[in-house]
Amino acid sequence: MKFDQLVGAVIHDLKNQLQALLDYEREAIEQVPENYHQHLTPILQRTNRLKNDTLQLVSLFRLGEQRHFPLDDAWPMDTVNDAIEATSLQFPTIKFHNQIDEQCQGFYSEMLLHLAIITLITNSAQAGATEIWFKASDEHGFTITIEDNGPGFPPEILNGEWDSSKREGSGLGLYFVELIADHHRQGEQHGQLDIANRTPTGARVTIRLP
């Protein structure tokens, strides 16, 4: 087995072990008295974060190897709901607004877009947002937009420094989401990532897929 294949296998096993640990922790917290929950909940949140980070690492590894993620018909309202469920444990104080019509349909890798949304939710929460909105459109291609009420992007991020070799802060997450968007291709067209600030405050990220 080649070294890169071995690394990929180890990461995949780590993801499975973290999911099993998360399941055990959830079962344990249901069995102990409620006055102990405040001590166990942070452990549960950290494990959930590690699991999501490992999923991101697995996907980055596969994207780096230019492996194909199959695209299929998917419903963004459900994709967003799954991402909210995956992050609500970690960020219980955030108010989510899934405003996507249930009839809205896209053609994408559900696994990758799910991870992209988790990444953007995490970015918003770490920036200090308390509310996040989700919108999508299937007219003229497919777009999904995530907005928050946080402080917005700093000038250097808006100027594209997140697309450099220096990966710090929210730049790493945006770079990962851009890789996911770019993976979606039809002929010479490929997905794109747009970022902007809202008025009077907040950030807006739009993923456009062909």
N, C-alpha and C. Protein backbone atom coordinates (compact mmCIF):
# COMPACT_ATOMS: atom_id res chain seq x y z
N MET A 1 0.85 -1.19 0.00
CA MET A 1 0.00 0.00 0.00
C MET A 1 0.88 1.25 0.00
N LYS A 2 0.57 2.20 -0.88
CA LYS A 2 1.33 3.44 -0.94
C LYS A 2 1.07 4.28 0.30
N PHE A 3 2.02 5.20 0.59
CA PHE A 3 1.91 6.02 1.79
C PHE A 3 0.63 6.84 1.78
N ASP A 4 0.28 7.48 0.63
CA ASP A 4 -0.91 8.31 0.59
C ASP A 4 -2.17 7.48 0.78
N GLN A 5 -2.16 6.24 0.29
CA GLN A 5 -3.31 5.35 0.51
C GLN A 5 -3.42 4.98 1.98
N LEU A 6 -2.27 4.76 2.63
CA LEU A 6 -2.26 4.43 4.05
C LEU A 6 -2.80 5.60 4.87
N VAL A 7 -2.38 6.82 4.54
CA VAL A 7 -2.88 8.01 5.24
C VAL A 7 -4.39 8.12 5.08
N GLY A 8 -4.87 7.92 3.86
CA GLY A 8 -6.31 7.99 3.61
C GLY A 8 -7.08 6.97 4.42
N ALA A 9 -6.53 5.75 4.52
CA ALA A 9 -7.20 4.70 5.29
C ALA A 9 -7.24 5.04 6.78
N VAL A 10 -6.13 5.61 7.29
CA VAL A 10 -6.08 5.98 8.71
C VAL A 10 -7.10 7.08 9.01
N ILE A 11 -7.17 8.08 8.13
CA ILE A 11 -8.13 9.17 8.33
C ILE A 11 -9.55 8.63 8.32
N HIS A 12 -9.84 7.73 7.38
CA HIS A 12 -11.18 7.16 7.28
C HIS A 12 -11.52 6.38 8.55
N ASP A 13 -10.56 5.61 9.08
CA ASP A 13 -10.79 4.85 10.31
C ASP A 13 -11.00 5.80 11.49
N LEU A 14 -10.24 6.90 11.52
CA LEU A 14 -10.39 7.89 12.58
C LEU A 14 -11.80 8.47 12.58
N LYS A 15 -12.31 8.76 11.39
CA LYS A 15 -13.68 9.28 11.27
C LYS A 15 -14.69 8.29 11.85
N ASN A 16 -14.53 7.02 11.53
CA ASN A 16 -15.46 6.01 12.05
C ASN A 16 -15.35 5.88 13.57
N GLN A 17 -14.13 5.95 14.11
CA GLN A 17 -13.95 5.84 15.55
C GLN A 17 -14.57 7.03 16.28
N LEU A 18 -14.45 8.23 15.70
CA LEU A 18 -15.05 9.42 16.31
C LEU A 18 -16.58 9.34 16.28
N GLN A 19 -17.13 8.80 15.20
CA GLN A 19 -18.59 8.64 15.14
C GLN A 19 -19.06 7.66 16.21
N ALA A 20 -18.31 6.57 16.39
CA ALA A 20 -18.67 5.60 17.43
C ALA A 20 -18.56 6.23 18.82
N LEU A 21 -17.50 7.03 19.04
CA LEU A 21 -17.33 7.71 20.33
C LEU A 21 -18.48 8.68 20.58
N LEU A 22 -18.89 9.40 19.53
CA LEU A 22 -20.00 10.34 19.66
C LEU A 22 -21.28 9.62 20.04
N ASP A 23 -21.51 8.47 19.44
CA ASP A 23 -22.71 7.68 19.76
C ASP A 23 -22.68 7.21 21.23
N TYR A 24 -21.51 6.78 21.70
CA TYR A 24 -21.38 6.35 23.10
C TYR A 24 -21.63 7.53 24.05
N GLU A 25 -21.11 8.69 23.70
CA GLU A 25 -21.27 9.86 24.56
C GLU A 25 -22.74 10.28 24.62
N ARG A 26 -23.43 10.23 23.50
CA ARG A 26 -24.86 10.56 23.49
C ARG A 26 -25.65 9.59 24.36
N GLU A 27 -25.30 8.32 24.26
CA GLU A 27 -25.98 7.31 25.08
C GLU A 27 -25.70 7.54 26.57
N ALA A 28 -24.44 7.92 26.88
CA ALA A 28 -24.06 8.13 28.27
C ALA A 28 -24.78 9.33 28.88
N ILE A 29 -24.89 10.41 28.09
CA ILE A 29 -25.49 11.63 28.63
C ILE A 29 -26.99 11.43 28.90
N GLU A 30 -27.59 10.47 28.20
CA GLU A 30 -29.00 10.15 28.45
C GLU A 30 -29.18 9.34 29.74
N GLN A 31 -28.10 8.69 30.19
CA GLN A 31 -28.20 7.79 31.35
C GLN A 31 -27.85 8.47 32.67
N VAL A 32 -27.15 9.60 32.61
CA VAL A 32 -26.70 10.24 33.87
C VAL A 32 -27.70 11.32 34.27
N PRO A 33 -27.73 11.69 35.56
CA PRO A 33 -28.63 12.75 36.02
C PRO A 33 -28.37 14.07 35.29
N GLU A 34 -29.41 14.87 35.16
CA GLU A 34 -29.33 16.09 34.38
C GLU A 34 -28.32 17.09 34.94
N ASN A 35 -28.10 17.07 36.25
CA ASN A 35 -27.17 18.04 36.83
C ASN A 35 -25.72 17.78 36.43
N TYR A 36 -25.45 16.61 35.80
CA TYR A 36 -24.11 16.32 35.29
C TYR A 36 -23.96 16.70 33.81
N HIS A 37 -25.06 17.06 33.15
CA HIS A 37 -25.01 17.32 31.71
C HIS A 37 -24.08 18.47 31.37
N GLN A 38 -24.03 19.48 32.24
CA GLN A 38 -23.19 20.63 31.94
C GLN A 38 -21.71 20.25 31.85
N HIS A 39 -21.32 19.15 32.50
CA HIS A 39 -19.93 18.70 32.44
C HIS A 39 -19.68 17.81 31.21
N LEU A 40 -20.71 17.10 30.77
CA LEU A 40 -20.55 16.18 29.65
C LEU A 40 -20.80 16.83 28.30
N THR A 41 -21.66 17.85 28.27
CA THR A 41 -22.01 18.48 27.00
C THR A 41 -20.80 19.04 26.26
N PRO A 42 -19.86 19.74 26.93
CA PRO A 42 -18.68 20.22 26.19
C PRO A 42 -17.87 19.11 25.55
N ILE A 43 -17.80 17.94 26.22
CA ILE A 43 -17.08 16.81 25.64
C ILE A 43 -17.79 16.34 24.37
N LEU A 44 -19.12 16.28 24.44
CA LEU A 44 -19.92 15.89 23.29
C LEU A 44 -19.72 16.87 22.14
N GLN A 45 -19.70 18.15 22.44
CA GLN A 45 -19.52 19.18 21.42
C GLN A 45 -18.15 19.07 20.76
N ARG A 46 -17.11 18.84 21.57
CA ARG A 46 -15.76 18.72 21.03
C ARG A 46 -15.63 17.49 20.13
N THR A 47 -16.22 16.39 20.54
CA THR A 47 -16.17 15.18 19.73
C THR A 47 -16.88 15.40 18.41
N ASN A 48 -18.02 16.09 18.46
CA ASN A 48 -18.77 16.38 17.23
C ASN A 48 -17.93 17.25 16.30
N ARG A 49 -17.23 18.24 16.87
CA ARG A 49 -16.36 19.11 16.05
C ARG A 49 -15.23 18.29 15.41
N LEU A 50 -14.61 17.40 16.19
CA LEU A 50 -13.55 16.56 15.65
C LEU A 50 -14.06 15.67 14.52
N LYS A 51 -15.27 15.14 14.69
CA LYS A 51 -15.84 14.30 13.64
C LYS A 51 -16.03 15.10 12.36
N ASN A 52 -16.59 16.32 12.48
CA ASN A 52 -16.80 17.17 11.29
C ASN A 52 -15.47 17.56 10.65
N ASP A 53 -14.46 17.86 11.49
CA ASP A 53 -13.15 18.21 10.95
C ASP A 53 -12.52 17.03 10.22
N THR A 54 -12.73 15.83 10.75
CA THR A 54 -12.17 14.65 10.10
C THR A 54 -12.87 14.38 8.77
N LEU A 55 -14.18 14.60 8.72
CA LEU A 55 -14.89 14.48 7.45
C LEU A 55 -14.33 15.45 6.43
N GLN A 56 -14.03 16.67 6.88
CA GLN A 56 -13.44 17.66 5.98
C GLN A 56 -12.07 17.19 5.50
N LEU A 57 -11.28 16.63 6.40
CA LEU A 57 -9.95 16.15 6.04
C LEU A 57 -10.02 15.01 5.03
N VAL A 58 -10.96 14.09 5.23
CA VAL A 58 -11.15 13.00 4.26
C VAL A 58 -11.47 13.55 2.88
N SER A 59 -12.37 14.55 2.84
CA SER A 59 -12.76 15.13 1.55
C SER A 59 -11.62 15.90 0.91
N LEU A 60 -10.86 16.65 1.72
CA LEU A 60 -9.69 17.35 1.18
C LEU A 60 -8.69 16.37 0.59
N PHE A 61 -8.49 15.27 1.26
CA PHE A 61 -7.57 14.24 0.77
C PHE A 61 -8.04 13.70 -0.58
N ARG A 62 -9.32 13.40 -0.66
CA ARG A 62 -9.85 12.86 -1.91
C ARG A 62 -9.85 13.89 -3.03
N LEU A 63 -10.17 15.15 -2.68
CA LEU A 63 -10.12 16.21 -3.68
C LEU A 63 -8.69 16.44 -4.17
N GLY A 64 -7.73 16.36 -3.23
CA GLY A 64 -6.33 16.52 -3.61
C GLY A 64 -5.85 15.43 -4.54
N GLU A 65 -6.42 14.25 -4.41
CA GLU A 65 -6.08 13.15 -5.31
C GLU A 65 -6.92 13.17 -6.58
N GLN A 66 -7.76 14.21 -6.69
CA GLN A 66 -8.64 14.39 -7.86
C GLN A 66 -9.57 13.19 -8.05
N ARG A 67 -10.02 12.65 -6.94
CA ARG A 67 -11.00 11.57 -7.03
C ARG A 67 -12.37 12.16 -7.33
N HIS A 68 -13.20 11.36 -7.93
CA HIS A 68 -14.51 11.85 -8.36
C HIS A 68 -15.55 11.61 -7.28
N PHE A 69 -16.30 12.66 -6.96
CA PHE A 69 -17.47 12.54 -6.10
C PHE A 69 -18.70 12.55 -7.02
N PRO A 70 -19.49 11.49 -7.05
CA PRO A 70 -20.62 11.44 -7.97
C PRO A 70 -21.64 12.54 -7.70
N LEU A 71 -22.15 13.12 -8.80
CA LEU A 71 -23.19 14.14 -8.72
C LEU A 71 -24.54 13.51 -9.01
N ASP A 72 -25.57 14.02 -8.36
CA ASP A 72 -26.91 13.46 -8.55
C ASP A 72 -27.94 14.52 -8.22
N ASP A 73 -29.19 14.26 -8.58
CA ASP A 73 -30.28 15.16 -8.19
C ASP A 73 -30.38 15.18 -6.67
N ALA A 74 -30.53 16.38 -6.12
CA ALA A 74 -30.59 16.51 -4.67
C ALA A 74 -31.47 17.70 -4.32
N TRP A 75 -31.93 17.72 -3.08
CA TRP A 75 -32.83 18.76 -2.61
C TRP A 75 -32.12 19.57 -1.52
N PRO A 76 -31.80 20.82 -1.82
CA PRO A 76 -31.00 21.63 -0.89
C PRO A 76 -31.65 21.88 0.46
N MET A 77 -32.97 21.91 0.53
CA MET A 77 -33.62 22.10 1.82
C MET A 77 -33.22 20.97 2.77
N ASP A 78 -33.20 19.73 2.24
CA ASP A 78 -32.82 18.58 3.06
C ASP A 78 -31.33 18.61 3.39
N THR A 79 -30.51 19.00 2.41
CA THR A 79 -29.07 19.08 2.63
C THR A 79 -28.75 20.07 3.74
N VAL A 80 -29.43 21.22 3.73
CA VAL A 80 -29.22 22.24 4.76
C VAL A 80 -29.71 21.72 6.12
N ASN A 81 -30.87 21.08 6.14
CA ASN A 81 -31.38 20.55 7.41
C ASN A 81 -30.41 19.55 8.03
N ASP A 82 -29.79 18.71 7.20
CA ASP A 82 -28.82 17.75 7.70
C ASP A 82 -27.60 18.46 8.28
N ALA A 83 -27.15 19.54 7.60
CA ALA A 83 -26.00 20.30 8.10
C ALA A 83 -26.33 21.02 9.40
N ILE A 84 -27.55 21.53 9.51
CA ILE A 84 -27.98 22.17 10.75
C ILE A 84 -27.98 21.16 11.89
N GLU A 85 -28.49 19.96 11.62
CA GLU A 85 -28.53 18.92 12.65
C GLU A 85 -27.11 18.53 13.08
N ALA A 86 -26.17 18.53 12.11
CA ALA A 86 -24.80 18.14 12.42
C ALA A 86 -24.05 19.18 13.23
N THR A 87 -24.53 20.42 13.22
CA THR A 87 -23.81 21.50 13.91
C THR A 87 -24.58 22.08 15.10
N SER A 88 -25.86 21.79 15.22
CA SER A 88 -26.66 22.39 16.28
C SER A 88 -26.19 21.97 17.67
N LEU A 89 -25.61 20.77 17.79
CA LEU A 89 -25.06 20.33 19.07
C LEU A 89 -23.86 21.19 19.46
N GLN A 90 -23.04 21.50 18.46
CA GLN A 90 -21.84 22.29 18.72
C GLN A 90 -22.15 23.76 18.96
N PHE A 91 -23.18 24.26 18.26
CA PHE A 91 -23.54 25.67 18.37
C PHE A 91 -25.02 25.81 18.76
N PRO A 92 -25.37 25.44 19.99
CA PRO A 92 -26.78 25.38 20.40
C PRO A 92 -27.46 26.74 20.49
N THR A 93 -26.70 27.82 20.57
CA THR A 93 -27.31 29.15 20.73
C THR A 93 -27.60 29.83 19.41
N ILE A 94 -27.15 29.26 18.30
CA ILE A 94 -27.39 29.89 17.01
C ILE A 94 -28.81 29.60 16.54
N LYS A 95 -29.46 30.62 15.99
CA LYS A 95 -30.79 30.47 15.43
C LYS A 95 -30.68 30.29 13.92
N PHE A 96 -31.16 29.16 13.42
CA PHE A 96 -31.07 28.84 12.00
C PHE A 96 -32.39 29.14 11.29
N HIS A 97 -32.30 29.67 10.07
CA HIS A 97 -33.48 29.96 9.25
C HIS A 97 -33.29 29.31 7.88
N ASN A 98 -33.88 28.13 7.71
CA ASN A 98 -33.82 27.46 6.41
C ASN A 98 -35.01 27.94 5.57
N GLN A 99 -34.75 28.88 4.67
CA GLN A 99 -35.80 29.50 3.86
C GLN A 99 -35.86 28.91 2.45
N ILE A 100 -35.30 27.73 2.27
CA ILE A 100 -35.26 27.10 0.94
C ILE A 100 -36.58 26.38 0.67
N ASP A 101 -37.13 26.62 -0.49
CA ASP A 101 -38.38 25.97 -0.90
C ASP A 101 -38.15 24.47 -1.04
N GLU A 102 -39.08 23.67 -0.56
CA GLU A 102 -38.91 22.21 -0.61
C GLU A 102 -38.91 21.67 -2.03
N GLN A 103 -39.42 22.45 -3.00
CA GLN A 103 -39.42 22.02 -4.40
C GLN A 103 -38.12 22.37 -5.11
N CYS A 104 -37.29 23.19 -4.50
CA CYS A 104 -36.02 23.58 -5.11
C CYS A 104 -35.12 22.35 -5.24
N GLN A 105 -34.51 22.21 -6.43
CA GLN A 105 -33.72 21.01 -6.71
C GLN A 105 -32.38 21.41 -7.31
N GLY A 106 -31.35 20.64 -7.00
CA GLY A 106 -30.03 20.88 -7.57
C GLY A 106 -29.42 19.58 -8.05
N PHE A 107 -28.31 19.72 -8.76
CA PHE A 107 -27.57 18.55 -9.24
C PHE A 107 -26.15 18.69 -8.71
N TYR A 108 -25.85 17.98 -7.63
CA TYR A 108 -24.57 18.17 -6.97
C TYR A 108 -24.21 16.95 -6.12
N SER A 109 -22.98 16.97 -5.61
CA SER A 109 -22.57 15.95 -4.64
C SER A 109 -23.14 16.34 -3.29
N GLU A 110 -24.09 15.58 -2.80
CA GLU A 110 -24.74 15.93 -1.54
C GLU A 110 -23.75 15.89 -0.38
N MET A 111 -22.82 14.94 -0.43
CA MET A 111 -21.82 14.84 0.63
C MET A 111 -20.95 16.09 0.67
N LEU A 112 -20.48 16.55 -0.49
CA LEU A 112 -19.60 17.71 -0.53
C LEU A 112 -20.34 18.99 -0.14
N LEU A 113 -21.54 19.18 -0.66
CA LEU A 113 -22.27 20.40 -0.31
C LEU A 113 -22.64 20.41 1.17
N HIS A 114 -22.96 19.25 1.70
CA HIS A 114 -23.23 19.12 3.13
C HIS A 114 -22.03 19.61 3.94
N LEU A 115 -20.83 19.18 3.55
CA LEU A 115 -19.61 19.59 4.24
C LEU A 115 -19.33 21.08 4.05
N ALA A 116 -19.63 21.60 2.86
CA ALA A 116 -19.44 23.03 2.60
C ALA A 116 -20.31 23.86 3.54
N ILE A 117 -21.56 23.45 3.71
CA ILE A 117 -22.49 24.19 4.58
C ILE A 117 -22.05 24.09 6.03
N ILE A 118 -21.62 22.91 6.46
CA ILE A 118 -21.09 22.76 7.82
C ILE A 118 -19.92 23.71 8.04
N THR A 119 -19.03 23.79 7.05
CA THR A 119 -17.86 24.67 7.15
C THR A 119 -18.28 26.12 7.27
N LEU A 120 -19.27 26.54 6.48
CA LEU A 120 -19.71 27.94 6.51
C LEU A 120 -20.45 28.25 7.82
N ILE A 121 -21.22 27.30 8.32
CA ILE A 121 -21.87 27.49 9.63
C ILE A 121 -20.81 27.68 10.71
N THR A 122 -19.77 26.85 10.67
CA THR A 122 -18.70 26.94 11.65
C THR A 122 -17.99 28.29 11.56
N ASN A 123 -17.71 28.74 10.34
CA ASN A 123 -17.09 30.05 10.15
C ASN A 123 -17.94 31.16 10.77
N SER A 124 -19.25 31.12 10.49
CA SER A 124 -20.16 32.15 11.01
C SER A 124 -20.18 32.14 12.53
N ALA A 125 -20.27 30.94 13.11
CA ALA A 125 -20.33 30.83 14.57
C ALA A 125 -19.05 31.34 15.21
N GLN A 126 -17.92 30.98 14.63
CA GLN A 126 -16.64 31.42 15.19
C GLN A 126 -16.44 32.93 15.05
N ALA A 127 -17.09 33.53 14.04
CA ALA A 127 -16.99 34.98 13.86
C ALA A 127 -17.90 35.74 14.81
N GLY A 128 -18.83 35.03 15.47
CA GLY A 128 -19.71 35.67 16.43
C GLY A 128 -21.15 35.83 16.00
N ALA A 129 -21.55 35.20 14.90
CA ALA A 129 -22.93 35.29 14.45
C ALA A 129 -23.86 34.56 15.41
N THR A 130 -25.09 35.07 15.53
CA THR A 130 -26.10 34.42 16.36
C THR A 130 -27.29 33.92 15.53
N GLU A 131 -27.36 34.35 14.27
CA GLU A 131 -28.41 33.90 13.35
C GLU A 131 -27.80 33.63 11.99
N ILE A 132 -28.31 32.58 11.32
CA ILE A 132 -27.83 32.21 9.98
C ILE A 132 -29.05 31.89 9.12
N TRP A 133 -29.05 32.43 7.88
CA TRP A 133 -30.13 32.23 6.93
C TRP A 133 -29.62 31.44 5.72
N PHE A 134 -30.48 30.59 5.18
CA PHE A 134 -30.15 29.78 4.01
C PHE A 134 -31.19 30.01 2.92
N LYS A 135 -30.73 30.30 1.71
CA LYS A 135 -31.61 30.48 0.56
C LYS A 135 -31.01 29.73 -0.62
N ALA A 136 -31.85 29.35 -1.57
CA ALA A 136 -31.35 28.65 -2.75
C ALA A 136 -32.27 28.93 -3.94
N SER A 137 -31.72 28.78 -5.13
CA SER A 137 -32.49 28.98 -6.37
C SER A 137 -32.01 27.97 -7.41
N ASP A 138 -32.96 27.40 -8.16
CA ASP A 138 -32.60 26.49 -9.24
C ASP A 138 -32.88 27.10 -10.61
N GLU A 139 -33.01 28.42 -10.68
CA GLU A 139 -33.17 29.11 -11.95
C GLU A 139 -31.80 29.54 -12.46
N HIS A 140 -31.56 29.30 -13.77
CA HIS A 140 -30.28 29.68 -14.39
C HIS A 140 -29.11 29.02 -13.65
N GLY A 141 -29.16 27.70 -13.55
CA GLY A 141 -28.16 26.99 -12.76
C GLY A 141 -28.64 26.87 -11.32
N PHE A 142 -27.75 26.50 -10.45
CA PHE A 142 -28.12 26.32 -9.04
C PHE A 142 -27.25 27.20 -8.16
N THR A 143 -27.88 27.92 -7.24
CA THR A 143 -27.15 28.73 -6.27
C THR A 143 -27.70 28.48 -4.88
N ILE A 144 -26.81 28.51 -3.90
CA ILE A 144 -27.23 28.45 -2.51
C ILE A 144 -26.47 29.54 -1.76
N THR A 145 -27.20 30.28 -0.95
CA THR A 145 -26.63 31.43 -0.25
C THR A 145 -26.77 31.25 1.25
N ILE A 146 -25.69 31.54 1.96
CA ILE A 146 -25.67 31.48 3.42
C ILE A 146 -25.33 32.88 3.93
N GLU A 147 -26.19 33.44 4.76
CA GLU A 147 -25.99 34.78 5.32
C GLU A 147 -26.02 34.70 6.84
N ASP A 148 -25.27 35.62 7.48
CA ASP A 148 -25.31 35.65 8.94
C ASP A 148 -25.34 37.09 9.44
N ASN A 149 -25.50 37.24 10.74
CA ASN A 149 -25.57 38.58 11.34
C ASN A 149 -24.30 38.90 12.13
N GLY A 150 -23.20 38.27 11.73
CA GLY A 150 -21.93 38.51 12.40
C GLY A 150 -21.28 39.81 11.95
N PRO A 151 -20.00 39.98 12.21
CA PRO A 151 -19.31 41.23 11.88
C PRO A 151 -18.98 41.39 10.41
N GLY A 152 -19.16 40.34 9.61
CA GLY A 152 -18.81 40.43 8.19
C GLY A 152 -17.35 40.08 7.96
N PHE A 153 -16.98 40.03 6.68
CA PHE A 153 -15.61 39.69 6.31
C PHE A 153 -14.70 40.91 6.43
N PRO A 154 -13.49 40.72 6.93
CA PRO A 154 -12.52 41.82 6.94
C PRO A 154 -12.08 42.14 5.51
N PRO A 155 -11.53 43.33 5.28
CA PRO A 155 -11.14 43.75 3.91
C PRO A 155 -10.21 42.77 3.22
N GLU A 156 -9.24 42.20 3.96
CA GLU A 156 -8.28 41.31 3.29
C GLU A 156 -8.95 40.05 2.75
N ILE A 157 -9.98 39.56 3.44
CA ILE A 157 -10.71 38.40 2.94
C ILE A 157 -11.51 38.78 1.70
N LEU A 158 -12.19 39.93 1.74
CA LEU A 158 -12.95 40.39 0.59
C LEU A 158 -12.05 40.64 -0.61
N ASN A 159 -10.79 41.00 -0.36
CA ASN A 159 -9.84 41.26 -1.43
C ASN A 159 -9.19 40.00 -1.97
N GLY A 160 -9.61 38.85 -1.45
CA GLY A 160 -9.16 37.58 -2.01
C GLY A 160 -7.96 36.96 -1.37
N GLU A 161 -7.53 37.45 -0.22
CA GLU A 161 -6.34 36.88 0.41
C GLU A 161 -6.59 35.48 0.95
N TRP A 162 -7.88 35.09 1.08
CA TRP A 162 -8.19 33.72 1.50
C TRP A 162 -7.82 32.71 0.43
N ASP A 163 -7.56 33.19 -0.79
CA ASP A 163 -7.21 32.32 -1.90
C ASP A 163 -5.70 32.33 -2.14
N SER A 164 -4.94 32.51 -1.07
CA SER A 164 -3.50 32.53 -1.18
C SER A 164 -2.91 31.29 -0.54
N SER A 165 -1.58 31.23 -0.47
CA SER A 165 -0.93 30.06 0.14
C SER A 165 -0.98 30.11 1.66
N LYS A 166 -1.34 31.25 2.21
CA LYS A 166 -1.43 31.40 3.66
C LYS A 166 -2.84 31.08 4.10
N ARG A 167 -3.00 30.02 4.87
CA ARG A 167 -4.32 29.56 5.28
C ARG A 167 -4.53 29.83 6.75
N GLU A 168 -5.17 30.92 7.08
CA GLU A 168 -5.42 31.25 8.47
C GLU A 168 -6.86 31.70 8.63
N GLY A 169 -7.39 31.52 9.84
CA GLY A 169 -8.73 32.01 10.15
C GLY A 169 -9.76 31.44 9.22
N SER A 170 -10.70 32.30 8.81
CA SER A 170 -11.80 31.84 7.96
C SER A 170 -11.33 31.51 6.55
N GLY A 171 -10.11 31.91 6.19
CA GLY A 171 -9.61 31.64 4.85
C GLY A 171 -9.55 30.17 4.52
N LEU A 172 -9.15 29.34 5.48
CA LEU A 172 -9.07 27.91 5.22
C LEU A 172 -10.43 27.33 4.89
N GLY A 173 -11.44 27.73 5.66
CA GLY A 173 -12.78 27.24 5.38
C GLY A 173 -13.28 27.66 4.02
N LEU A 174 -13.04 28.92 3.65
CA LEU A 174 -13.47 29.42 2.34
C LEU A 174 -12.73 28.69 1.22
N TYR A 175 -11.46 28.42 1.44
CA TYR A 175 -10.69 27.69 0.44
C TYR A 175 -11.26 26.29 0.22
N PHE A 176 -11.64 25.63 1.31
CA PHE A 176 -12.25 24.30 1.21
C PHE A 176 -13.56 24.37 0.44
N VAL A 177 -14.39 25.36 0.75
CA VAL A 177 -15.68 25.51 0.06
C VAL A 177 -15.46 25.81 -1.42
N GLU A 178 -14.44 26.60 -1.73
CA GLU A 178 -14.14 26.89 -3.13
C GLU A 178 -13.73 25.63 -3.87
N LEU A 179 -12.93 24.76 -3.23
CA LEU A 179 -12.56 23.49 -3.85
C LEU A 179 -13.81 22.66 -4.15
N ILE A 180 -14.75 22.66 -3.23
CA ILE A 180 -15.99 21.90 -3.42
C ILE A 180 -16.77 22.47 -4.60
N ALA A 181 -16.89 23.80 -4.66
CA ALA A 181 -17.61 24.42 -5.77
C ALA A 181 -16.94 24.08 -7.10
N ASP A 182 -15.61 24.18 -7.14
CA ASP A 182 -14.88 23.93 -8.37
C ASP A 182 -14.99 22.48 -8.83
N HIS A 183 -15.21 21.57 -7.90
CA HIS A 183 -15.35 20.15 -8.25
C HIS A 183 -16.58 19.90 -9.10
N HIS A 184 -17.58 20.76 -8.99
CA HIS A 184 -18.82 20.59 -9.75
C HIS A 184 -18.62 21.21 -11.13
N ARG A 185 -18.58 20.36 -12.16
CA ARG A 185 -18.29 20.81 -13.51
C ARG A 185 -19.26 20.20 -14.50
N GLN A 186 -19.57 21.01 -15.51
CA GLN A 186 -20.34 20.55 -16.66
C GLN A 186 -19.68 21.14 -17.90
N GLY A 187 -18.97 20.28 -18.63
CA GLY A 187 -18.21 20.79 -19.77
C GLY A 187 -17.10 21.71 -19.28
N GLU A 188 -17.06 22.91 -19.83
CA GLU A 188 -16.04 23.89 -19.43
C GLU A 188 -16.50 24.74 -18.24
N GLN A 189 -17.74 24.59 -17.84
CA GLN A 189 -18.24 25.36 -16.71
C GLN A 189 -17.91 24.67 -15.39
N HIS A 190 -17.65 25.47 -14.39
CA HIS A 190 -17.37 24.91 -13.07
C HIS A 190 -17.97 25.83 -12.00
N GLY A 191 -18.17 25.26 -10.83
CA GLY A 191 -18.77 26.02 -9.74
C GLY A 191 -17.88 27.15 -9.26
N GLN A 192 -18.51 28.15 -8.67
CA GLN A 192 -17.77 29.31 -8.16
C GLN A 192 -18.27 29.69 -6.77
N LEU A 193 -17.43 30.43 -6.07
CA LEU A 193 -17.76 30.91 -4.73
C LEU A 193 -17.68 32.43 -4.71
N ASP A 194 -18.74 33.08 -4.26
CA ASP A 194 -18.77 34.54 -4.14
C ASP A 194 -18.96 34.90 -2.67
N ILE A 195 -18.23 35.92 -2.21
CA ILE A 195 -18.39 36.38 -0.83
C ILE A 195 -18.62 37.89 -0.83
N ALA A 196 -19.38 38.35 0.16
CA ALA A 196 -19.68 39.78 0.29
C ALA A 196 -20.13 40.04 1.72
N ASN A 197 -20.25 41.31 2.06
CA ASN A 197 -20.80 41.70 3.35
C ASN A 197 -22.22 42.20 3.18
N ARG A 198 -23.04 41.94 4.17
CA ARG A 198 -24.42 42.41 4.18
C ARG A 198 -24.50 43.81 4.77
N THR A 199 -25.62 44.47 4.53
CA THR A 199 -25.90 45.77 5.14
C THR A 199 -27.05 45.60 6.13
N PRO A 200 -26.92 46.09 7.36
CA PRO A 200 -25.81 46.88 7.90
C PRO A 200 -24.65 46.05 8.42
N THR A 201 -24.88 44.76 8.69
CA THR A 201 -23.79 43.93 9.21
C THR A 201 -24.03 42.48 8.83
N GLY A 202 -22.96 41.72 8.78
CA GLY A 202 -23.09 40.31 8.46
C GLY A 202 -22.31 39.93 7.21
N ALA A 203 -22.21 38.63 7.00
CA ALA A 203 -21.50 38.09 5.84
C ALA A 203 -22.46 37.33 4.95
N ARG A 204 -22.11 37.27 3.66
CA ARG A 204 -22.91 36.52 2.69
C ARG A 204 -21.96 35.69 1.83
N VAL A 205 -22.27 34.39 1.72
CA VAL A 205 -21.49 33.49 0.86
C VAL A 205 -22.46 32.81 -0.10
N THR A 206 -22.13 32.86 -1.38
CA THR A 206 -22.98 32.24 -2.40
C THR A 206 -22.16 31.21 -3.17
N ILE A 207 -22.70 30.00 -3.24
CA ILE A 207 -22.09 28.92 -4.02
C ILE A 207 -22.91 28.79 -5.31
N ARG A 208 -22.24 28.96 -6.44
CA ARG A 208 -22.91 28.87 -7.74
C ARG A 208 -22.41 27.61 -8.47
N LEU A 209 -23.34 26.73 -8.83
CA LEU A 209 -22.99 25.50 -9.50
C LEU A 209 -23.61 25.47 -10.90
N PRO A 210 -22.89 24.93 -11.89
CA PRO A 210 -23.42 24.89 -13.27
C PRO A 210 -24.59 23.92 -13.40
